[in-house]
N, C-alpha and C. Protein backbone atom coordinates (compact mmCIF):
# COMPACT_ATOMS: atom_id res chain seq x y z
N MET A 1 0.84 -1.33 0.10
CA MET A 1 0.24 0.00 -0.07
C MET A 1 1.14 1.18 0.31
N LYS A 2 2.06 1.53 1.09
CA LYS A 2 3.05 2.21 0.89
C LYS A 2 3.60 2.80 -0.34
N LEU A 3 4.01 1.29 -1.13
CA LEU A 3 4.47 1.35 -2.32
C LEU A 3 3.48 1.94 -3.34
N SER A 4 2.47 1.72 -3.43
CA SER A 4 1.51 2.25 -4.51
C SER A 4 1.32 3.80 -4.05
N ILE A 5 0.99 4.34 -2.77
CA ILE A 5 1.08 5.74 -2.63
C ILE A 5 2.66 6.32 -3.09
N ILE A 6 3.63 5.74 -3.30
CA ILE A 6 4.94 6.30 -3.73
C ILE A 6 5.30 6.79 -4.90
N VAL A 7 4.48 5.48 -5.79
CA VAL A 7 4.52 5.30 -7.09
C VAL A 7 3.78 6.04 -7.71
N ILE A 8 2.20 6.38 -6.94
CA ILE A 8 1.39 7.28 -7.86
C ILE A 8 1.92 8.89 -7.38
N SER A 9 2.40 9.07 -6.38
CA SER A 9 3.04 10.58 -6.11
C SER A 9 3.84 10.89 -7.17
N ALA A 10 5.04 10.15 -7.22
CA ALA A 10 6.17 10.22 -7.81
C ALA A 10 5.57 10.14 -9.71
N CYS A 11 4.26 9.54 -10.24
CA CYS A 11 4.42 9.64 -11.59
C CYS A 11 3.18 10.87 -11.42
N THR A 12 2.39 11.50 -10.39
CA THR A 12 1.92 12.76 -10.48
C THR A 12 2.38 13.76 -10.73
N ILE A 13 3.98 13.52 -10.15
CA ILE A 13 4.95 14.82 -10.14
C ILE A 13 5.62 14.75 -11.31
N PHE A 14 5.91 13.55 -11.84
CA PHE A 14 6.61 13.56 -13.05
C PHE A 14 5.94 14.40 -14.10
N PHE A 15 4.38 13.90 -14.48
CA PHE A 15 3.46 14.32 -15.25
C PHE A 15 3.16 15.66 -15.21
N ASN A 16 3.15 15.93 -14.07
CA ASN A 16 2.80 17.55 -13.84
C ASN A 16 4.01 18.23 -14.39
N SER A 17 5.62 17.79 -14.12
CA SER A 17 6.27 18.73 -14.41
C SER A 17 6.58 18.56 -15.92
N CYS A 18 6.34 17.75 -16.64
CA CYS A 18 6.37 17.60 -17.92
C CYS A 18 4.98 18.40 -18.85
N LYS A 19 4.20 18.15 -17.83
CA LYS A 19 3.11 19.22 -18.58
C LYS A 19 3.41 21.19 -18.27
N SER A 20 4.09 21.19 -17.41
CA SER A 20 4.31 22.71 -17.15
C SER A 20 5.51 23.16 -17.85
N ASN A 21 6.06 22.38 -18.67
CA ASN A 21 7.49 22.60 -19.47
C ASN A 21 7.04 22.81 -20.99
N LEU A 22 5.75 22.61 -21.34
CA LEU A 22 4.89 22.30 -22.71
C LEU A 22 4.86 23.91 -22.92
N PRO A 23 4.80 24.53 -24.00
CA PRO A 23 4.21 25.73 -24.15
C PRO A 23 2.67 25.94 -24.41
N ALA A 24 2.37 26.98 -23.97
CA ALA A 24 0.73 27.42 -24.22
C ALA A 24 0.78 27.22 -25.87
N PRO A 25 -0.54 26.41 -26.05
CA PRO A 25 -1.09 26.29 -27.40
C PRO A 25 -1.52 27.76 -27.96
N ARG A 26 -1.38 28.24 -28.96
CA ARG A 26 -1.47 29.53 -29.63
C ARG A 26 -2.82 29.18 -30.48
N VAL A 27 -3.87 29.52 -29.86
CA VAL A 27 -5.68 29.70 -30.47
C VAL A 27 -5.73 30.01 -31.21
N GLU A 28 -5.14 31.11 -31.52
CA GLU A 28 -5.22 31.99 -32.84
C GLU A 28 -4.64 31.27 -33.68
N ASN A 29 -3.76 30.53 -33.94
CA ASN A 29 -2.66 29.82 -34.73
C ASN A 29 -3.48 28.63 -35.37
N GLU A 30 -3.95 28.00 -34.26
CA GLU A 30 -4.56 26.64 -34.58
C GLU A 30 -5.72 26.73 -34.98
N ALA A 31 -6.56 27.80 -35.00
CA ALA A 31 -7.70 28.15 -35.48
C ALA A 31 -7.98 28.31 -36.87
N THR A 32 -6.81 29.38 -37.39
CA THR A 32 -6.16 30.01 -38.69
C THR A 32 -6.19 28.34 -39.08
N GLU A 33 -4.97 27.66 -38.64
CA GLU A 33 -4.54 26.51 -39.63
C GLU A 33 -5.85 25.60 -39.65
N ARG A 34 -6.49 25.35 -38.98
CA ARG A 34 -7.51 24.52 -38.96
C ARG A 34 -8.78 25.05 -39.82
N GLU A 35 -8.91 26.19 -40.45
CA GLU A 35 -9.60 27.08 -41.19
C GLU A 35 -9.49 26.98 -42.52
N ALA A 36 -7.31 26.78 -42.44
CA ALA A 36 -6.91 26.62 -43.96
C ALA A 36 -6.92 25.01 -44.30
N ILE A 37 -6.84 23.93 -43.20
CA ILE A 37 -7.29 22.84 -43.82
C ILE A 37 -8.42 22.73 -44.07
N ALA A 38 -9.61 23.13 -43.46
CA ALA A 38 -10.80 23.12 -44.26
C ALA A 38 -11.00 23.45 -45.13
N SER A 39 -10.59 24.75 -45.38
CA SER A 39 -11.01 24.98 -47.05
C SER A 39 -10.19 24.24 -48.03
N THR A 40 -8.94 23.67 -47.85
CA THR A 40 -8.21 23.21 -48.75
C THR A 40 -8.72 21.70 -49.25
N LEU A 41 -9.45 21.00 -47.87
CA LEU A 41 -10.54 19.69 -48.07
C LEU A 41 -11.74 19.91 -48.65
N GLU A 42 -12.43 21.34 -48.27
CA GLU A 42 -13.65 21.67 -49.18
C GLU A 42 -13.27 21.82 -51.06
N LYS A 43 -12.21 22.28 -50.96
CA LYS A 43 -12.40 22.57 -52.38
C LYS A 43 -11.55 21.64 -53.17
N VAL A 44 -10.89 20.39 -52.63
CA VAL A 44 -10.50 19.13 -53.01
C VAL A 44 -11.73 18.25 -53.28
N MET A 45 -12.46 18.30 -52.41
CA MET A 45 -13.48 17.25 -52.25
C MET A 45 -14.67 17.76 -53.50
N GLN A 46 -14.66 19.25 -53.63
CA GLN A 46 -15.40 19.53 -54.64
C GLN A 46 -15.35 19.76 -55.55
N GLU A 47 -14.01 20.22 -56.42
CA GLU A 47 -13.24 20.23 -57.47
C GLU A 47 -12.95 18.81 -57.93
N ASN A 48 -12.37 17.83 -57.11
CA ASN A 48 -11.70 16.69 -57.62
C ASN A 48 -12.72 15.46 -57.44
N MET A 49 -13.90 15.49 -56.54
CA MET A 49 -14.79 14.46 -56.23
C MET A 49 -15.75 14.71 -56.66
N ILE A 50 -16.84 15.60 -55.90
CA ILE A 50 -18.39 15.84 -56.19
C ILE A 50 -18.64 15.96 -57.52
N SER A 51 -17.71 16.94 -58.30
CA SER A 51 -18.19 17.90 -59.38
C SER A 51 -17.53 16.65 -60.49
N LYS A 52 -16.41 16.00 -60.14
CA LYS A 52 -16.39 14.84 -61.26
C LYS A 52 -17.05 13.65 -61.54
N TRP A 53 -17.46 13.16 -60.29
CA TRP A 53 -18.52 11.99 -60.05
C TRP A 53 -19.73 12.64 -60.68
N TYR A 54 -20.54 13.32 -60.53
CA TYR A 54 -21.89 13.73 -60.53
C TYR A 54 -21.88 14.73 -61.37
N PRO A 55 -22.91 14.78 -62.44
CA PRO A 55 -23.22 13.74 -62.77
C PRO A 55 -23.06 12.80 -63.73
N ALA A 56 -21.56 12.83 -63.78
CA ALA A 56 -20.78 11.78 -65.01
C ALA A 56 -21.14 10.27 -64.54
N ILE A 57 -21.61 9.71 -63.20
CA ILE A 57 -21.80 8.65 -63.35
C ILE A 57 -23.20 7.83 -63.25
N LEU A 58 -24.04 8.99 -63.49
CA LEU A 58 -25.37 8.39 -63.66
C LEU A 58 -25.52 7.76 -65.23
N ASP A 59 -26.28 6.67 -64.81
CA ASP A 59 -26.59 6.06 -65.77
C ASP A 59 -28.06 6.53 -66.47
N THR A 60 -27.92 7.27 -67.35
CA THR A 60 -28.91 7.65 -68.12
C THR A 60 -29.86 6.95 -69.18
N THR A 61 -29.18 5.57 -69.09
CA THR A 61 -29.98 4.63 -69.94
C THR A 61 -31.12 3.66 -69.10
N ASP A 62 -30.26 3.38 -68.06
CA ASP A 62 -31.26 2.33 -67.20
C ASP A 62 -31.52 2.88 -65.85
N GLY A 63 -31.02 3.89 -65.58
CA GLY A 63 -31.35 4.05 -64.44
C GLY A 63 -30.11 3.99 -63.08
N GLY A 64 -30.16 4.70 -62.16
CA GLY A 64 -29.33 4.72 -60.90
C GLY A 64 -28.12 4.94 -61.48
N TYR A 65 -27.18 4.38 -60.55
CA TYR A 65 -25.21 5.29 -60.94
C TYR A 65 -24.84 3.82 -61.53
N LEU A 66 -23.96 4.17 -62.57
CA LEU A 66 -23.06 3.28 -63.12
C LEU A 66 -22.01 2.79 -61.99
N SER A 67 -21.62 2.02 -61.84
CA SER A 67 -20.07 1.20 -61.23
C SER A 67 -19.12 0.91 -61.19
N THR A 68 -18.46 0.52 -62.23
CA THR A 68 -17.30 0.21 -62.59
C THR A 68 -16.56 1.23 -63.67
N PHE A 69 -15.38 1.95 -63.18
CA PHE A 69 -14.57 2.70 -64.16
C PHE A 69 -13.55 2.67 -64.54
N ASP A 70 -13.01 3.02 -65.85
CA ASP A 70 -11.22 3.32 -65.68
C ASP A 70 -10.56 4.45 -65.16
N LYS A 71 -9.48 4.39 -65.42
CA LYS A 71 -8.80 5.77 -64.57
C LYS A 71 -9.09 6.92 -65.66
N GLU A 72 -9.85 6.81 -66.52
CA GLU A 72 -10.08 8.30 -67.01
C GLU A 72 -11.80 8.45 -66.64
N LEU A 73 -12.24 7.76 -65.98
CA LEU A 73 -13.67 7.65 -65.75
C LEU A 73 -14.48 7.68 -66.80
N LYS A 74 -14.31 6.78 -67.75
CA LYS A 74 -15.08 5.95 -68.25
C LYS A 74 -15.60 4.75 -67.79
N PRO A 75 -16.90 4.47 -68.05
CA PRO A 75 -17.84 3.29 -67.67
C PRO A 75 -17.03 1.95 -68.17
N VAL A 76 -16.48 1.11 -67.84
CA VAL A 76 -16.26 -0.25 -68.30
C VAL A 76 -16.81 -1.53 -67.59
N GLY A 77 -16.78 -2.83 -68.00
CA GLY A 77 -17.84 -4.09 -67.20
C GLY A 77 -19.30 -3.97 -67.77
N ASN A 78 -19.65 -4.87 -66.81
CA ASN A 78 -21.29 -5.34 -66.93
C ASN A 78 -21.98 -4.03 -66.31
N GLN A 79 -21.25 -3.42 -65.22
CA GLN A 79 -22.45 -2.33 -64.30
C GLN A 79 -23.52 -2.98 -63.65
N ASP A 80 -23.32 -4.47 -63.22
CA ASP A 80 -24.29 -4.55 -61.82
C ASP A 80 -24.23 -3.69 -61.03
N LYS A 81 -25.44 -3.78 -60.52
CA LYS A 81 -25.91 -2.47 -59.07
C LYS A 81 -26.16 -3.25 -57.84
N MET A 82 -25.06 -2.77 -57.09
CA MET A 82 -25.32 -3.65 -55.58
C MET A 82 -26.42 -2.65 -55.02
N ILE A 83 -26.96 -2.71 -53.95
CA ILE A 83 -28.06 -1.83 -53.37
C ILE A 83 -27.03 -1.02 -52.61
N VAL A 84 -25.79 -1.51 -51.82
CA VAL A 84 -24.87 -0.56 -51.36
C VAL A 84 -24.24 0.31 -51.72
N ALA A 85 -24.01 -0.08 -53.00
CA ALA A 85 -23.34 1.16 -53.74
C ALA A 85 -24.05 2.17 -54.11
N GLN A 86 -25.33 2.06 -54.69
CA GLN A 86 -26.65 2.92 -55.21
C GLN A 86 -26.89 3.33 -54.01
N SER A 87 -27.23 3.14 -53.00
CA SER A 87 -27.67 3.85 -51.52
C SER A 87 -26.39 4.62 -51.00
N ARG A 88 -25.08 4.52 -51.48
CA ARG A 88 -24.11 5.40 -50.88
C ARG A 88 -24.08 6.21 -51.76
N HIS A 89 -24.35 6.41 -53.14
CA HIS A 89 -24.41 7.46 -54.17
C HIS A 89 -25.74 8.16 -53.77
N LEU A 90 -26.78 7.88 -53.37
CA LEU A 90 -27.99 8.35 -53.03
C LEU A 90 -27.76 9.27 -51.82
N TRP A 91 -27.13 8.52 -50.88
CA TRP A 91 -26.61 9.42 -49.67
C TRP A 91 -26.17 10.60 -49.86
N ASN A 92 -24.56 10.05 -50.99
CA ASN A 92 -23.69 11.24 -51.06
C ASN A 92 -24.65 12.42 -51.74
N ASN A 93 -25.16 12.15 -52.64
CA ASN A 93 -25.82 13.49 -53.43
C ASN A 93 -27.27 14.06 -52.74
N SER A 94 -27.65 13.51 -51.96
CA SER A 94 -28.66 14.17 -50.46
C SER A 94 -28.08 15.14 -49.86
N LYS A 95 -26.73 14.50 -49.38
CA LYS A 95 -26.00 15.26 -48.47
C LYS A 95 -25.58 16.48 -49.24
N ALA A 96 -25.02 16.17 -51.01
CA ALA A 96 -24.45 17.00 -51.07
C ALA A 96 -25.09 18.48 -51.54
N SER A 97 -26.84 17.79 -51.92
CA SER A 97 -27.41 18.90 -52.15
C SER A 97 -27.76 19.93 -51.26
N THR A 98 -28.19 19.60 -50.04
CA THR A 98 -28.27 20.28 -49.19
C THR A 98 -27.14 21.26 -48.61
N PHE A 99 -26.08 20.46 -48.32
CA PHE A 99 -24.95 21.10 -47.98
C PHE A 99 -24.23 22.08 -48.90
N TYR A 100 -24.59 21.99 -49.90
CA TYR A 100 -24.17 23.02 -51.13
C TYR A 100 -25.14 23.93 -51.48
N ASN A 101 -26.09 23.60 -51.38
CA ASN A 101 -27.54 23.69 -51.73
C ASN A 101 -27.49 24.07 -53.49
N SER A 102 -27.12 22.48 -53.75
CA SER A 102 -26.78 21.88 -55.43
C SER A 102 -28.12 21.54 -55.96
N GLU A 103 -28.30 22.34 -57.05
CA GLU A 103 -29.67 21.54 -57.88
C GLU A 103 -28.66 20.41 -58.46
N VAL A 104 -28.00 20.15 -59.07
CA VAL A 104 -27.67 19.22 -59.53
C VAL A 104 -27.23 17.86 -58.92
N ASN A 105 -26.87 18.26 -57.69
CA ASN A 105 -26.93 16.99 -56.91
C ASN A 105 -28.31 16.59 -56.27
N MET A 106 -29.17 17.49 -56.68
CA MET A 106 -30.55 17.00 -56.05
C MET A 106 -31.30 16.39 -56.95
N GLN A 107 -31.08 17.04 -58.32
CA GLN A 107 -31.30 16.21 -59.58
C GLN A 107 -31.02 14.54 -59.67
N CYS A 108 -29.53 14.43 -59.51
CA CYS A 108 -28.50 13.22 -59.16
C CYS A 108 -29.27 12.40 -58.15
N ALA A 109 -29.90 12.79 -57.22
CA ALA A 109 -30.32 12.00 -55.95
C ALA A 109 -31.85 11.52 -56.10
N ARG A 110 -32.19 12.64 -57.21
CA ARG A 110 -33.96 11.87 -57.55
C ARG A 110 -33.65 10.88 -58.64
N HIS A 111 -32.33 11.04 -59.29
CA HIS A 111 -32.50 10.04 -60.59
C HIS A 111 -32.09 8.67 -59.54
N GLY A 112 -31.11 8.61 -58.87
CA GLY A 112 -30.88 7.34 -57.93
C GLY A 112 -31.99 6.93 -56.86
N PHE A 113 -32.90 7.59 -56.42
CA PHE A 113 -34.18 7.29 -55.47
C PHE A 113 -34.70 6.38 -56.68
N GLY A 114 -35.10 7.12 -57.69
CA GLY A 114 -36.01 6.25 -58.92
C GLY A 114 -35.73 4.99 -59.33
N PHE A 115 -34.38 5.02 -59.32
CA PHE A 115 -33.80 3.27 -59.35
C PHE A 115 -34.01 2.44 -58.19
N LEU A 116 -33.74 2.95 -56.96
CA LEU A 116 -33.66 2.14 -56.12
C LEU A 116 -35.72 1.80 -55.75
N GLN A 117 -36.35 2.81 -55.65
CA GLN A 117 -37.81 2.85 -55.50
C GLN A 117 -38.18 1.86 -56.57
N ASN A 118 -37.98 1.81 -58.11
CA ASN A 118 -38.65 0.91 -59.20
C ASN A 118 -37.96 0.16 -59.27
N LYS A 119 -36.66 -0.28 -59.37
CA LYS A 119 -35.46 -1.30 -59.55
C LYS A 119 -35.21 -2.41 -58.56
N THR A 120 -34.83 -1.85 -57.41
CA THR A 120 -33.90 -2.62 -56.36
C THR A 120 -34.79 -2.83 -55.39
N TRP A 121 -36.36 -2.45 -55.12
CA TRP A 121 -37.18 -2.85 -53.98
C TRP A 121 -38.26 -4.15 -54.59
N ASP A 122 -37.92 -5.03 -53.41
CA ASP A 122 -39.42 -5.85 -54.14
C ASP A 122 -40.25 -5.38 -53.50
N ALA A 123 -41.51 -5.17 -54.63
CA ALA A 123 -42.69 -4.72 -54.43
C ALA A 123 -43.53 -5.75 -53.76
N GLN A 124 -43.25 -7.07 -53.80
CA GLN A 124 -44.34 -8.13 -53.46
C GLN A 124 -43.62 -8.40 -52.15
N TYR A 125 -42.82 -8.45 -51.70
CA TYR A 125 -42.06 -8.99 -50.11
C TYR A 125 -41.26 -7.76 -49.57
N GLY A 126 -41.15 -6.70 -49.98
CA GLY A 126 -40.54 -5.59 -49.86
C GLY A 126 -38.92 -6.23 -49.45
N GLY A 127 -38.25 -5.19 -49.02
CA GLY A 127 -37.23 -5.55 -48.76
C GLY A 127 -36.35 -4.93 -50.36
N PHE A 128 -34.68 -4.25 -50.08
CA PHE A 128 -33.96 -4.14 -51.41
C PHE A 128 -33.53 -5.65 -51.65
N TYR A 129 -33.35 -5.65 -53.08
CA TYR A 129 -32.88 -6.96 -53.62
C TYR A 129 -31.07 -6.61 -53.02
N TRP A 130 -30.27 -7.46 -53.34
CA TRP A 130 -29.08 -7.46 -53.17
C TRP A 130 -28.48 -6.71 -54.20
N LEU A 131 -28.39 -7.33 -55.44
CA LEU A 131 -27.84 -7.00 -56.78
C LEU A 131 -28.73 -7.30 -57.67
N VAL A 132 -28.70 -6.33 -58.77
CA VAL A 132 -29.50 -6.01 -59.84
C VAL A 132 -28.51 -6.05 -61.14
N ASP A 133 -29.04 -6.40 -62.32
CA ASP A 133 -27.86 -5.72 -63.33
C ASP A 133 -28.11 -4.57 -63.84
N LYS A 134 -27.63 -4.08 -64.88
CA LYS A 134 -27.45 -2.87 -65.24
C LYS A 134 -29.07 -2.21 -65.53
N LYS A 135 -29.78 -3.26 -66.05
CA LYS A 135 -30.93 -3.07 -66.23
C LYS A 135 -32.35 -2.50 -65.15
N GLY A 136 -31.63 -3.59 -64.15
CA GLY A 136 -32.74 -3.54 -63.12
C GLY A 136 -33.25 -4.77 -62.77
N ASN A 137 -33.01 -5.87 -63.54
CA ASN A 137 -33.02 -6.95 -63.34
C ASN A 137 -32.81 -8.02 -62.17
N VAL A 138 -33.29 -8.76 -61.32
CA VAL A 138 -32.88 -8.90 -59.94
C VAL A 138 -32.25 -10.22 -60.55
N LYS A 139 -30.70 -10.20 -59.74
CA LYS A 139 -29.56 -11.35 -59.96
C LYS A 139 -29.52 -11.79 -58.73
N ASN A 140 -28.78 -13.03 -58.50
CA ASN A 140 -28.46 -14.28 -57.25
C ASN A 140 -29.74 -14.52 -56.88
N ASN A 141 -30.62 -15.04 -57.19
CA ASN A 141 -32.02 -15.45 -56.57
C ASN A 141 -32.76 -14.23 -55.83
N GLY A 142 -32.67 -13.58 -56.02
CA GLY A 142 -33.54 -12.01 -55.27
C GLY A 142 -32.67 -12.24 -53.82
N ASP A 143 -31.41 -12.33 -53.17
CA ASP A 143 -30.77 -12.38 -52.21
C ASP A 143 -31.54 -10.94 -51.55
N LYS A 144 -31.84 -10.55 -50.49
CA LYS A 144 -31.63 -9.54 -49.77
C LYS A 144 -30.87 -9.97 -48.26
N THR A 145 -30.52 -8.34 -48.02
CA THR A 145 -29.50 -8.60 -46.50
C THR A 145 -30.11 -7.53 -45.64
N ALA A 146 -29.72 -7.99 -44.50
CA ALA A 146 -29.83 -6.87 -43.57
C ALA A 146 -28.80 -5.49 -43.70
N TYR A 147 -27.90 -6.07 -44.07
CA TYR A 147 -27.09 -4.90 -44.56
C TYR A 147 -27.10 -3.86 -45.41
N GLY A 148 -27.37 -4.75 -46.68
CA GLY A 148 -27.98 -3.63 -48.02
C GLY A 148 -29.40 -3.21 -47.49
N ASN A 149 -30.14 -3.76 -46.74
CA ASN A 149 -31.26 -2.73 -46.55
C ASN A 149 -31.35 -1.94 -45.46
N SER A 150 -29.93 -2.10 -44.71
CA SER A 150 -29.98 -0.79 -43.69
C SER A 150 -29.11 0.27 -44.72
N PHE A 151 -28.65 -0.10 -45.55
CA PHE A 151 -27.79 1.06 -46.24
C PHE A 151 -29.07 1.69 -47.37
N GLY A 152 -29.67 1.31 -48.13
CA GLY A 152 -31.20 1.83 -48.35
C GLY A 152 -31.90 2.65 -47.76
N LEU A 153 -32.17 2.21 -46.19
CA LEU A 153 -32.67 2.83 -45.24
C LEU A 153 -32.16 4.35 -44.88
N TYR A 154 -30.54 3.95 -44.86
CA TYR A 154 -30.24 5.34 -44.76
C TYR A 154 -30.21 6.58 -45.62
N ALA A 155 -30.38 5.82 -47.19
CA ALA A 155 -30.03 6.55 -47.72
C ALA A 155 -31.62 7.15 -48.85
N THR A 156 -32.17 6.43 -48.02
CA THR A 156 -33.70 6.97 -48.50
C THR A 156 -34.50 8.01 -47.36
N SER A 157 -34.05 7.95 -45.92
CA SER A 157 -34.15 8.49 -45.07
C SER A 157 -33.35 10.07 -45.43
N ALA A 158 -32.20 9.77 -45.70
CA ALA A 158 -31.59 10.95 -46.41
C ALA A 158 -32.00 11.92 -47.46
N TYR A 159 -32.32 11.12 -48.60
CA TYR A 159 -33.18 11.82 -49.52
C TYR A 159 -34.72 12.59 -49.28
N TYR A 160 -35.17 11.55 -48.44
CA TYR A 160 -36.45 12.40 -47.84
C TYR A 160 -35.82 13.86 -47.27
N LEU A 161 -34.87 13.77 -46.42
CA LEU A 161 -34.65 14.82 -45.87
C LEU A 161 -33.99 16.08 -46.43
N ALA A 162 -33.17 15.76 -47.71
CA ALA A 162 -32.75 16.91 -48.73
C ALA A 162 -34.47 17.55 -49.48
N SER A 163 -34.97 16.48 -49.80
CA SER A 163 -35.76 16.94 -51.09
C SER A 163 -37.50 16.86 -50.10
N LYS A 164 -37.74 16.48 -49.73
CA LYS A 164 -39.18 16.31 -48.84
C LYS A 164 -40.28 15.47 -49.57
N ASP A 165 -39.28 14.52 -50.56
CA ASP A 165 -40.48 13.68 -50.77
C ASP A 165 -41.22 12.33 -50.32
N THR A 166 -42.20 12.73 -50.20
CA THR A 166 -43.13 11.63 -49.54
C THR A 166 -43.19 10.33 -49.89
N ASP A 167 -42.67 10.01 -51.16
CA ASP A 167 -42.43 8.73 -51.50
C ASP A 167 -40.98 8.24 -50.57
N ALA A 168 -39.79 9.48 -50.75
CA ALA A 168 -38.72 8.33 -50.22
C ALA A 168 -39.13 8.14 -48.64
N LEU A 169 -39.94 9.09 -48.08
CA LEU A 169 -40.19 8.83 -46.21
C LEU A 169 -40.87 7.32 -46.34
N ASN A 170 -41.77 7.25 -47.43
CA ASN A 170 -42.93 5.93 -47.42
C ASN A 170 -41.81 4.50 -47.39
N LEU A 171 -40.91 4.71 -48.37
CA LEU A 171 -40.12 3.83 -48.56
C LEU A 171 -39.02 3.66 -47.56
N ALA A 172 -38.68 4.47 -46.87
CA ALA A 172 -37.74 4.40 -45.93
C ALA A 172 -38.74 3.38 -44.38
N LYS A 173 -39.69 3.92 -44.38
CA LYS A 173 -40.65 3.33 -43.43
C LYS A 173 -40.62 1.83 -43.86
N LYS A 174 -41.01 1.48 -45.00
CA LYS A 174 -40.90 -0.05 -45.62
C LYS A 174 -40.11 -0.47 -45.37
N SER A 175 -38.86 0.03 -45.23
CA SER A 175 -37.24 -0.49 -45.46
C SER A 175 -37.08 -0.85 -43.72
N PHE A 176 -37.73 -0.12 -42.95
CA PHE A 176 -36.94 0.48 -41.37
C PHE A 176 -38.15 -1.28 -41.07
N LEU A 177 -39.49 -1.30 -41.53
CA LEU A 177 -40.47 -2.70 -41.03
C LEU A 177 -39.87 -3.63 -41.64
N TRP A 178 -38.99 -3.80 -43.00
CA TRP A 178 -38.82 -4.95 -43.46
C TRP A 178 -37.64 -5.87 -42.48
N LEU A 179 -36.67 -4.60 -41.97
CA LEU A 179 -35.53 -5.17 -41.15
C LEU A 179 -36.09 -5.53 -39.93
């Protein structure tokens, strides 16, 4: 017991003496630095990600979002569409439309929601199909998972918050009940 008190006291004195030797943080410089980093990240995200991907990845022929690209952002492969990827794009566009007050992102979100609602949702038994082909035809025996449906739920919820589209709210509720 006596040894524990000595060890705790020694550690406390040691750490307090180390702490007192540290210079006081410069709040103004840290705030300015954080603002500069945030501004740079914002610019990179807007110019190199959001504006490059959307609306470029919209599947204007069959609906939803294209999935596979080469390094020049040209579509390649069969373009099967998973509920997780489709939902992520819907969520991204919904959030971007609100955050940036972007009509382009709202249009991209609306486009993606239509595909989720009309092609990936099982109108008879409920639930989002895990995988559909480019045209929206069900693949893999119509498998559905809680994981995939949770993505559909969060995407349709985000779209409802951005658009106030009651179809999105109703689909989010159906998805929740399916889970």
